[in-house]
Each structure stands twice: as C-alpha cells, then as structure tokens.
PDB file of N, CA and C in Angstrom:
ATOM      1  N   UNK A   1     108.216 154.790 107.999  1.00  0.00           N
ATOM      2  CA  UNK A   1     109.405 153.257 108.777  1.00  0.00           C
ATOM      3  C   UNK A   1     109.212 153.315 110.194  1.00  0.00           C
ATOM      4  N   UNK A   2     108.326 154.435 111.136  1.00  0.00           N
ATOM      5  CA  UNK A   2     108.510 154.601 112.612  1.00  0.00           C
ATOM      6  C   UNK A   2     107.133 153.666 112.821  1.00  0.00           C
ATOM      7  N   UNK A   3     105.968 154.018 111.801  1.00  0.00           N
ATOM      8  CA  UNK A   3     104.760 153.382 111.573  1.00  0.00           C
ATOM      9  C   UNK A   3     105.576 151.551 111.960  1.00  0.00           C
ATOM     10  N   UNK A   4     106.411 150.413 110.637  1.00  0.00           N
ATOM     11  CA  UNK A   4     106.996 149.930 111.224  1.00  0.00           C
ATOM     12  C   UNK A   4     107.067 149.418 112.286  1.00  0.00           C
ATOM     13  N   UNK A   5     107.760 149.735 113.175  1.00  0.00           N
ATOM     14  CA  UNK A   5     108.305 150.095 113.869  1.00  0.00           C
ATOM     15  C   UNK A   5     107.036 150.068 114.834  1.00  0.00           C
ATOM     16  N   UNK A   6     106.820 150.680 115.120  1.00  0.00           N
ATOM     17  CA  UNK A   6     105.368 150.367 115.996  1.00  0.00           C
ATOM     18  C   UNK A   6     104.405 149.187 115.583  1.00  0.00           C
ATOM     19  N   UNK A   7     104.214 149.027 114.549  1.00  0.00           N
ATOM     20  CA  UNK A   7     103.254 147.320 114.152  1.00  0.00           C
ATOM     21  C   UNK A   7     104.370 146.792 114.953  1.00  0.00           C
ATOM     22  N   UNK A   8     105.408 146.119 114.986  1.00  0.00           N
ATOM     23  CA  UNK A   8     105.686 145.290 115.232  1.00  0.00           C
ATOM     24  C   UNK A   8     106.386 145.132 116.840  1.00  0.00           C
ATOM     25  N   UNK A   9     106.317 146.257 117.211  1.00  0.00           N
ATOM     26  CA  UNK A   9     106.665 146.420 118.682  1.00  0.00           C
ATOM     27  C   UNK A   9     104.993 146.003 119.383  1.00  0.00           C
ATOM     28  N   UNK A  10     104.090 145.939 118.666  1.00  0.00           N
ATOM     29  CA  UNK A  10     102.560 145.868 119.003  1.00  0.00           C
ATOM     30  C   UNK A  10     102.353 144.813 118.351  1.00  0.00           C
ATOM     31  N   UNK A  11     102.750 143.209 117.727  1.00  0.00           N
ATOM     32  CA  UNK A  11     102.879 141.954 116.989  1.00  0.00           C
ATOM     33  C   UNK A  11     103.719 141.963 118.879  1.00  0.00           C
ATOM     34  N   UNK A  12     104.593 142.009 119.003  1.00  0.00           N
ATOM     35  CA  UNK A  12     104.983 141.449 119.784  1.00  0.00           C
ATOM     36  C   UNK A  12     105.114 141.415 121.355  1.00  0.00           C
ATOM     37  N   UNK A  13     103.914 142.498 121.501  1.00  0.00           N
ATOM     38  CA  UNK A  13     103.278 143.263 122.655  1.00  0.00           C
ATOM     39  C   UNK A  13     102.309 141.704 122.716  1.00  0.00           C
ATOM     40  N   UNK A  14     101.595 141.985 122.141  1.00  0.00           N
ATOM     41  CA  UNK A  14     100.203 141.406 121.837  1.00  0.00           C
ATOM     42  C   UNK A  14     100.925 139.266 121.908  1.00  0.00           C
ATOM     43  N   UNK A  15     101.872 139.046 121.613  1.00  0.00           N
ATOM     44  CA  UNK A  15     102.392 137.745 121.602  1.00  0.00           C
ATOM     45  C   UNK A  15     102.700 137.115 122.816  1.00  0.00           C
ATOM     46  N   UNK A  16     103.053 138.424 123.625  1.00  0.00           N
ATOM     47  CA  UNK A  16     103.483 138.314 124.820  1.00  0.00           C
ATOM     48  C   UNK A  16     102.410 138.369 126.052  1.00  0.00           C
ATOM     49  N   UNK A  17     101.903 139.490 125.578  1.00  0.00           N
ATOM     50  CA  UNK A  17     100.700 139.133 126.686  1.00  0.00           C
ATOM     51  C   UNK A  17      99.885 137.650 126.492  1.00  0.00           C
ATOM     52  N   UNK A  18      99.563 136.737 124.709  1.00  0.00           N
ATOM     53  CA  UNK A  18      98.886 135.765 124.104  1.00  0.00           C
ATOM     54  C   UNK A  18      99.334 134.584 125.632  1.00  0.00           C
ATOM     55  N   UNK A  19     101.056 135.031 124.993  1.00  0.00           N
ATOM     56  CA  UNK A  19     102.356 133.737 125.342  1.00  0.00           C
ATOM     57  C   UNK A  19     101.611 133.755 126.916  1.00  0.00           C
ATOM     58  N   UNK A  20     101.574 134.837 127.863  1.00  0.00           N
ATOM     59  CA  UNK A  20     101.499 135.117 129.465  1.00  0.00           C
ATOM     60  C   UNK A  20     100.023 134.858 129.746  1.00  0.00           C
ATOM     61  N   UNK A  21      98.544 134.429 128.780  1.00  0.00           N
ATOM     62  CA  UNK A  21      98.177 134.291 129.212  1.00  0.00           C
ATOM     63  C   UNK A  21      97.328 132.684 129.136  1.00  0.00           C
ATOM     64  N   UNK A  22      98.247 132.355 127.986  1.00  0.00           N
ATOM     65  CA  UNK A  22      97.875 131.255 128.211  1.00  0.00           C
ATOM     66  C   UNK A  22      99.208 130.215 129.361  1.00  0.00           C
ATOM     67  N   UNK A  23      99.809 130.426 129.683  1.00  0.00           N
ATOM     68  CA  UNK A  23     100.597 130.244 129.856  1.00  0.00           C
ATOM     69  C   UNK A  23     100.189 129.830 132.078  1.00  0.00           C
ATOM     70  N   UNK A  24      99.427 131.210 132.196  1.00  0.00           N
ATOM     71  CA  UNK A  24      98.358 130.850 132.879  1.00  0.00           C
ATOM     72  C   UNK A  24      96.505 130.162 132.960  1.00  0.00           C
ATOM     73  N   UNK A  25      96.598 129.062 131.599  1.00  0.00           N
ATOM     74  CA  UNK A  25      95.227 128.611 131.283  1.00  0.00           C
ATOM     75  C   UNK A  25      94.280 129.704 131.207  1.00  0.00           C
ATOM     76  N   UNK A  26      94.145 130.631 130.632  1.00  0.00           N
ATOM     77  CA  UNK A  26      92.825 131.830 131.139  1.00  0.00           C
ATOM     78  C   UNK A  26      93.431 131.315 129.746  1.00  0.00           C
ATOM     79  N   UNK A  27      91.402 131.545 129.066  1.00  0.00           N
ATOM     80  CA  UNK A  27      90.938 131.920 127.656  1.00  0.00           C
ATOM     81  C   UNK A  27      91.286 133.138 127.261  1.00  0.00           C
ATOM     82  N   UNK A  28      90.577 133.199 125.955  1.00  0.00           N
ATOM     83  CA  UNK A  28      89.977 134.447 125.618  1.00  0.00           C
ATOM     84  C   UNK A  28      89.081 135.431 126.465  1.00  0.00           C
ATOM     85  N   UNK A  29      88.206 134.288 126.925  1.00  0.00           N
ATOM     86  CA  UNK A  29      86.574 134.693 126.859  1.00  0.00           C
ATOM     87  C   UNK A  29      86.995 134.906 129.096  1.00  0.00           C
ATOM     88  N   UNK A  30      87.926 133.548 129.486  1.00  0.00           N
ATOM     89  CA  UNK A  30      87.991 134.155 130.909  1.00  0.00           C
ATOM     90  C   UNK A  30      89.099 135.916 131.238  1.00  0.00           C
ATOM     91  N   UNK A  31      89.888 135.917 130.662  1.00  0.00           N
ATOM     92  CA  UNK A  31      89.954 137.763 129.923  1.00  0.00           C
ATOM     93  C   UNK A  31      89.256 138.600 129.865  1.00  0.00           C
ATOM     94  N   UNK A  32      88.641 138.593 128.896  1.00  0.00           N
ATOM     95  CA  UNK A  32      87.714 139.689 128.650  1.00  0.00           C
ATOM     96  C   UNK A  32      86.457 139.244 130.263  1.00  0.00           C
ATOM     97  N   UNK A  33      86.210 138.349 130.689  1.00  0.00           N
ATOM     98  CA  UNK A  33      85.163 139.219 132.258  1.00  0.00           C
ATOM     99  C   UNK A  33      85.805 139.594 133.058  1.00  0.00           C
ATOM    100  N   UNK A  34      87.580 138.909 133.036  1.00  0.00           N
ATOM    101  CA  UNK A  34      87.826 139.488 134.598  1.00  0.00           C
ATOM    102  C   UNK A  34      88.495 140.830 134.088  1.00  0.00           C
ATOM    103  N   UNK A  35      88.417 141.455 132.888  1.00  0.00           N
ATOM    104  CA  UNK A  35      88.930 142.484 132.104  1.00  0.00           C
ATOM    105  C   UNK A  35      88.015 143.474 132.291  1.00  0.00           C
ATOM    106  N   UNK A  36      86.426 142.897 132.109  1.00  0.00           N
ATOM    107  CA  UNK A  36      85.427 144.033 131.535  1.00  0.00           C
ATOM    108  C   UNK A  36      85.841 144.611 129.751  1.00  0.00           C
ATOM    109  N   UNK A  37      87.027 144.042 129.090  1.00  0.00           N
ATOM    110  CA  UNK A  37      86.993 144.248 127.238  1.00  0.00           C
ATOM    111  C   UNK A  37      86.158 143.114 127.056  1.00  0.00           C
ATOM    112  N   UNK A  38      85.974 143.133 125.796  1.00  0.00           N
ATOM    113  CA  UNK A  38      85.451 142.071 124.686  1.00  0.00           C
ATOM    114  C   UNK A  38      86.264 141.690 124.403  1.00  0.00           C
ATOM    115  N   UNK A  39      85.521 140.541 123.632  1.00  0.00           N
ATOM    116  CA  UNK A  39      87.136 138.780 123.542  1.00  0.00           C
ATOM    117  C   UNK A  39      86.931 139.010 122.542  1.00  0.00           C
ATOM    118  N   UNK A  40      86.629 140.503 121.403  1.00  0.00           N
ATOM    119  CA  UNK A  40      87.103 140.384 119.841  1.00  0.00           C
ATOM    120  C   UNK A  40      88.642 141.995 119.662  1.00  0.00           C
ATOM    121  N   UNK A  41      87.845 142.476 120.835  1.00  0.00           N
ATOM    122  CA  UNK A  41      89.075 143.179 121.506  1.00  0.00           C
ATOM    123  C   UNK A  41      90.124 142.860 122.644  1.00  0.00           C
ATOM    124  N   UNK A  42      90.127 141.842 122.780  1.00  0.00           N
ATOM    125  CA  UNK A  42      91.675 140.591 124.013  1.00  0.00           C
ATOM    126  C   UNK A  42      92.612 140.084 121.997  1.00  0.00           C
ATOM    127  N   UNK A  43      91.267 140.159 120.705  1.00  0.00           N
ATOM    128  CA  UNK A  43      91.566 138.616 120.216  1.00  0.00           C
ATOM    129  C   UNK A  43      92.756 140.091 119.890  1.00  0.00           C
ATOM    130  N   UNK A  44      92.246 141.067 119.189  1.00  0.00           N
ATOM    131  CA  UNK A  44      93.348 142.481 118.615  1.00  0.00           C
ATOM    132  C   UNK A  44      93.606 142.973 119.434  1.00  0.00           C
ATOM    133  N   UNK A  45      94.260 143.032 120.379  1.00  0.00           N
ATOM    134  CA  UNK A  45      95.786 143.350 121.034  1.00  0.00           C
ATOM    135  C   UNK A  45      97.266 142.329 121.398  1.00  0.00           C
ATOM    136  N   UNK A  46      96.430 140.641 121.073  1.00  0.00           N
ATOM    137  CA  UNK A  46      97.125 139.438 121.056  1.00  0.00           C
ATOM    138  C   UNK A  46      97.574 139.780 119.118  1.00  0.00           C
ATOM    139  N   UNK A  47      96.766 140.197 118.658  1.00  0.00           N
ATOM    140  CA  UNK A  47      97.372 139.442 117.291  1.00  0.00           C
ATOM    141  C   UNK A  47      98.580 140.924 116.621  1.00  0.00           C
ATOM    142  N   UNK A  48      98.398 142.788 118.074  1.00  0.00           N
ATOM    143  CA  UNK A  48      98.705 143.627 117.315  1.00  0.00           C
ATOM    144  C   UNK A  48      98.086 143.838 116.526  1.00  0.00           C
ATOM    145  N   UNK A  49      96.307 144.666 116.192  1.00  0.00           N
ATOM    146  CA  UNK A  49      95.538 144.474 115.106  1.00  0.00           C
ATOM    147  C   UNK A  49      95.046 146.130 115.792  1.00  0.00           C
ATOM    148  N   UNK A  50      95.644 146.773 117.104  1.00  0.00           N
ATOM    149  CA  UNK A  50      94.481 147.345 117.758  1.00  0.00           C
ATOM    150  C   UNK A  50      95.410 148.809 118.504  1.00  0.00           C
ATOM    151  N   UNK A  51      95.218 149.776 119.060  1.00  0.00           N
ATOM    152  CA  UNK A  51      96.111 150.778 119.438  1.00  0.00           C
ATOM    153  C   UNK A  51      95.326 150.505 120.771  1.00  0.00           C
ATOM    154  N   UNK A  52      95.197 149.919 122.065  1.00  0.00           N
ATOM    155  CA  UNK A  52      93.957 149.540 122.590  1.00  0.00           C
ATOM    156  C   UNK A  52      94.204 151.211 123.947  1.00  0.00           C
ATOM    157  N   UNK A  53      93.502 151.766 124.513  1.00  0.00           N
ATOM    158  CA  UNK A  53      93.281 152.649 124.881  1.00  0.00           C
ATOM    159  C   UNK A  53      94.453 152.400 126.238  1.00  0.00           C
ATOM    160  N   UNK A  54      95.526 153.052 126.894  1.00  0.00           N
ATOM    161  CA  UNK A  54      96.595 152.810 127.721  1.00  0.00           C
ATOM    162  C   UNK A  54      95.978 152.089 129.832  1.00  0.00           C
ATOM    163  N   UNK A  55      94.030 152.300 129.594  1.00  0.00           N
ATOM    164  CA  UNK A  55      93.926 151.751 130.893  1.00  0.00           C
ATOM    165  C   UNK A  55      93.584 151.112 130.263  1.00  0.00           C
ATOM    166  N   UNK A  56      93.180 150.600 128.980  1.00  0.00           N
ATOM    167  CA  UNK A  56      92.529 148.969 128.192  1.00  0.00           C
ATOM    168  C   UNK A  56      94.293 147.458 128.935  1.00  0.00           C
ATOM    169  N   UNK A  57      95.002 148.267 128.684  1.00  0.00           N
ATOM    170  CA  UNK A  57      95.995 147.865 128.034  1.00  0.00           C
ATOM    171  C   UNK A  57      96.463 147.075 129.389  1.00  0.00           C
ATOM    172  N   UNK A  58      96.181 148.417 130.289  1.00  0.00           N
ATOM    173  CA  UNK A  58      96.747 148.548 132.485  1.00  0.00           C
ATOM    174  C   UNK A  58      96.128 147.151 132.373  1.00  0.00           C
ATOM    175  N   UNK A  59      95.121 147.212 132.714  1.00  0.00           N
ATOM    176  CA  UNK A  59      93.734 146.245 132.769  1.00  0.00           C
ATOM    177  C   UNK A  59      94.544 145.038 133.071  1.00  0.00           C
ATOM    178  N   UNK A  60      94.453 144.712 131.188  1.00  0.00           N
ATOM    179  CA  UNK A  60      94.604 143.653 130.547  1.00  0.00           C
ATOM    180  C   UNK A  60      95.930 142.494 131.757  1.00  0.00           C
ATOM    181  N   UNK A  61      96.938 143.953 131.520  1.00  0.00           N
ATOM    182  CA  UNK A  61      98.926 143.620 132.434  1.00  0.00           C
ATOM    183  C   UNK A  61      98.270 143.366 133.751  1.00  0.00           C
ATOM    184  N   UNK A  62      97.229 143.533 134.793  1.00  0.00           N
ATOM    185  CA  UNK A  62      97.518 143.578 135.823  1.00  0.00           C
ATOM    186  C   UNK A  62      96.927 142.029 135.981  1.00  0.00           C
ATOM    187  N   UNK A  63      95.581 141.940 135.099  1.00  0.00           N
ATOM    188  CA  UNK A  63      94.911 141.156 135.173  1.00  0.00           C
ATOM    189  C   UNK A  63      96.260 139.548 134.972  1.00  0.00           C
ATOM    190  N   UNK A  64      97.100 140.061 134.416  1.00  0.00           N
ATOM    191  CA  UNK A  64      97.396 138.354 133.986  1.00  0.00           C
ATOM    192  C   UNK A  64      98.847 139.138 134.743  1.00  0.00           C
ATOM    193  N   UNK A  65      99.588 139.572 135.580  1.00  0.00           N
ATOM    194  CA  UNK A  65     100.671 140.054 136.483  1.00  0.00           C
ATOM    195  C   UNK A  65     102.294 140.404 135.476  1.00  0.00           C
ATOM    196  N   UNK A  66     101.349 140.895 134.825  1.00  0.00           N
ATOM    197  CA  UNK A  66     102.924 141.895 133.808  1.00  0.00           C
ATOM    198  C   UNK A  66     102.724 142.914 134.161  1.00  0.00           C
ATOM    199  N   UNK A  67     103.805 144.197 134.437  1.00  0.00           N
ATOM    200  CA  UNK A  67     104.379 144.993 134.715  1.00  0.00           C
ATOM    201  C   UNK A  67     104.843 145.830 133.469  1.00  0.00           C
ATOM    202  N   UNK A  68     104.379 146.522 132.783  1.00  0.00           N
ATOM    203  CA  UNK A  68     104.661 147.577 131.122  1.00  0.00           C
ATOM    204  C   UNK A  68     105.860 148.978 131.809  1.00  0.00           C
ATOM    205  N   UNK A  69     106.963 148.778 131.717  1.00  0.00           N
ATOM    206  CA  UNK A  69     108.525 149.127 131.954  1.00  0.00           C
ATOM    207  C   UNK A  69     109.016 150.125 130.593  1.00  0.00           C
ATOM    208  N   UNK A  70     108.481 151.269 131.507  1.00  0.00           N
ATOM    209  CA  UNK A  70     109.543 152.259 130.637  1.00  0.00           C
ATOM    210  C   UNK A  70     110.679 152.816 130.693  1.00  0.00           C
ATOM    211  N   UNK A  71     111.645 152.442 129.485  1.00  0.00           N
ATOM    212  CA  UNK A  71     112.388 153.423 130.082  1.00  0.00           C
ATOM    213  C   UNK A  71     113.436 153.680 128.802  1.00  0.00           C
ATOM    214  N   UNK A  72     114.302 154.785 128.655  1.00  0.00           N
ATOM    215  CA  UNK A  72     114.781 155.462 127.491  1.00  0.00           C
ATOM    216  C   UNK A  72     115.291 154.777 126.762  1.00  0.00           C
ATOM    217  N   UNK A  73     115.099 155.294 124.770  1.00  0.00           N
ATOM    218  CA  UNK A  73     116.085 154.669 124.171  1.00  0.00           C
ATOM    219  C   UNK A  73     117.048 154.875 124.504  1.00  0.00           C
ATOM    220  N   UNK A  74     117.873 153.849 123.785  1.00  0.00           N
ATOM    221  CA  UNK A  74     119.253 154.067 123.342  1.00  0.00           C
ATOM    222  C   UNK A  74     119.363 154.966 121.561  1.00  0.00           C
ATOM    223  N   UNK A  75     120.240 156.302 122.263  1.00  0.00           N
ATOM    224  CA  UNK A  75     120.947 156.872 120.971  1.00  0.00           C
ATOM    225  C   UNK A  75     121.258 156.602 119.871  1.00  0.00           C
ATOM    226  N   UNK A  76     121.124 156.889 119.571  1.00  0.00           N
ATOM    227  CA  UNK A  76     121.915 156.408 117.384  1.00  0.00           C
ATOM    228  C   UNK A  76     122.711 156.889 117.406  1.00  0.00           C
ATOM    229  N   UNK A  77     122.534 158.054 118.131  1.00  0.00           N
ATOM    230  CA  UNK A  77     123.514 159.469 117.419  1.00  0.00           C
ATOM    231  C   UNK A  77     123.185 160.725 118.768  1.00  0.00           C
ATOM    232  N   UNK A  78     124.233 161.275 118.837  1.00  0.00           N
ATOM    233  CA  UNK A  78     123.824 162.621 119.742  1.00  0.00           C
ATOM    234  C   UNK A  78     124.115 164.060 118.924  1.00  0.00           C
ATOM    235  N   UNK A  79     121.926 164.540 119.254  1.00  0.00           N
ATOM    236  CA  UNK A  79     123.088 165.510 119.179  1.00  0.00           C
ATOM    237  C   UNK A  79     123.529 167.071 119.721  1.00  0.00           C
ATOM    238  N   UNK A  80     123.623 167.021 120.796  1.00  0.00           N
ATOM    239  CA  UNK A  80     124.565 167.830 121.797  1.00  0.00           C
ATOM    240  C   UNK A  80     125.698 167.440 121.068  1.00  0.00           C
TER     241      UNK A  80
END
C-alpha cells in the first residue's frame, strides 16, 4: 500500500516539474543542458518512473525556481 502511495506521489511530483518547465518555455533538452542531467533522466523524473538522487532533484527544482518543502504528516491516530 505504501509503495502505491509513493508511486502516486512520484507521478504527481513529476507532473509538477513538467508543468513548471513548460510554463517557463523550457524543453527537456534545455533543462538537461542547464542541469547536467540526461534528457532521459529528466523524462523519467517527469513521468514518475525513477527515484532520482536528492542532489539531482534539488538541481532540477532550483533550476526551475521551485522549492521543496518538508512538513510533518497529519497523524491519523495518536500512539501516545
């Protein structure tokens, strides 16, 4: 079940990256050249088909002017 959630999150994350890239008028080839990440890897990230290194992901986000925000999950039940 958690694996499905992670896959869904990866796809959503990839769509956000692709949408931002397109909004900026940047091609996958342009983004690859700007980041030093292969076009194939950019495509896989956008499709949610890979688990990129955090450093690669941060490079893509920075290049596109996006931030990665980490926040606590909303607890569904308390264990205290």
